[in-house]
Amino acid sequence: MSRGIDFKQKEVINITDGKILGFVIDVQADFDNGEIRSIIVAKTGKIFNSMSSKNNVTIPWNNIKKIGEDVILVEV
């Protein structure tokens, strides 16, 4: 499993329709067992607008299908 810091700024693509969802700006983790629960993606793809939660989408770990060097493939 990758570390949370490894996810930052990776592009996220939905394999269902091929659309680019944006870029990872944060991860949510369970600190009791050290597991990543979900990733938070800036919908607009702009890292600088990540402070507005209305432009973000949370993707549960179960929806992540493949983690590559540059992109993360998800099914949503």
Protein backbone atom coordinates (compact mmCIF):
# COMPACT_ATOMS: atom_id res chain seq x y z
CA MET A 1 0.00 0.00 0.00
CA SER A 2 1.23 3.49 -0.79
CA ARG A 3 1.72 6.16 1.78
CA GLY A 4 -0.76 9.04 1.84
CA ILE A 5 1.87 11.53 0.75
CA ASP A 6 2.39 9.47 -2.43
CA PHE A 7 -1.17 10.26 -3.52
CA LYS A 8 -0.85 14.04 -3.44
CA GLN A 9 -1.35 15.73 -6.81
CA LYS A 10 -2.01 12.51 -8.73
CA GLU A 11 -4.66 12.79 -11.41
CA VAL A 12 -7.82 10.75 -10.76
CA ILE A 13 -9.71 9.19 -13.67
CA ASN A 14 -13.09 7.43 -13.55
CA ILE A 15 -12.82 4.14 -15.45
CA THR A 16 -16.60 4.02 -15.92
CA ASP A 17 -16.71 6.93 -18.37
CA GLY A 18 -13.03 7.92 -18.80
CA LYS A 19 -13.55 11.38 -17.31
CA ILE A 20 -10.83 13.16 -15.39
CA LEU A 21 -12.20 13.86 -11.92
CA GLY A 22 -9.36 16.08 -10.74
CA PHE A 23 -6.30 15.78 -8.53
CA VAL A 24 -5.80 14.24 -5.09
CA ILE A 25 -5.49 16.96 -2.48
CA ASP A 26 -5.77 14.91 0.72
CA VAL A 27 -6.39 11.48 2.20
CA GLN A 28 -8.56 10.34 5.11
CA ALA A 29 -6.98 7.70 7.30
CA ASP A 30 -7.89 5.57 10.29
CA PHE A 31 -5.05 6.33 12.67
CA ASP A 32 -5.96 3.42 14.97
CA ASN A 33 -4.99 0.82 12.37
CA GLY A 34 -3.01 2.95 9.89
CA GLU A 35 -5.30 2.35 6.90
CA ILE A 36 -6.27 4.90 4.29
CA ARG A 37 -10.08 5.17 4.18
CA SER A 38 -10.55 7.51 1.22
CA ILE A 39 -8.97 10.11 -1.01
CA ILE A 40 -10.21 13.66 -1.47
CA VAL A 41 -10.16 14.98 -5.02
CA ALA A 42 -10.45 18.61 -6.16
CA LYS A 43 -13.19 18.41 -8.81
CA THR A 44 -11.87 21.40 -10.71
CA GLY A 45 -8.39 19.92 -10.89
CA LYS A 46 -6.99 23.13 -9.46
CA ILE A 47 -4.91 22.59 -6.35
CA PHE A 48 -5.28 26.24 -5.35
CA ASN A 49 -9.09 25.98 -5.12
CA SER A 50 -8.93 23.00 -2.79
CA MET A 51 -9.95 25.02 0.24
CA SER A 52 -13.58 25.07 -0.91
CA SER A 53 -15.14 21.74 0.02
CA LYS A 54 -17.93 22.16 -2.56
CA ASN A 55 -15.30 21.61 -5.26
CA ASN A 56 -14.09 18.38 -3.66
CA VAL A 57 -15.28 14.79 -3.86
CA THR A 58 -14.45 12.01 -1.40
CA ILE A 59 -13.73 8.64 -2.99
CA PRO A 60 -13.77 5.60 -0.68
CA TRP A 61 -10.79 3.25 -0.77
CA ASN A 62 -13.00 0.43 -2.14
CA ASN A 63 -13.61 2.49 -5.30
CA ILE A 64 -9.90 2.77 -6.12
CA LYS A 65 -9.11 0.19 -8.80
CA LYS A 66 -5.49 0.93 -9.77
CA ILE A 67 -2.78 3.25 -8.52
CA GLY A 68 -0.19 4.17 -11.12
CA GLU A 69 2.88 6.35 -11.09
CA ASP A 70 0.97 9.40 -12.38
CA VAL A 71 -2.74 8.55 -12.12
CA ILE A 72 -5.27 6.80 -9.93
CA LEU A 73 -8.09 4.89 -11.62
CA VAL A 74 -11.38 4.80 -9.73
CA GLU A 75 -14.87 3.48 -10.35
CA VAL A 76 -17.61 5.90 -9.31
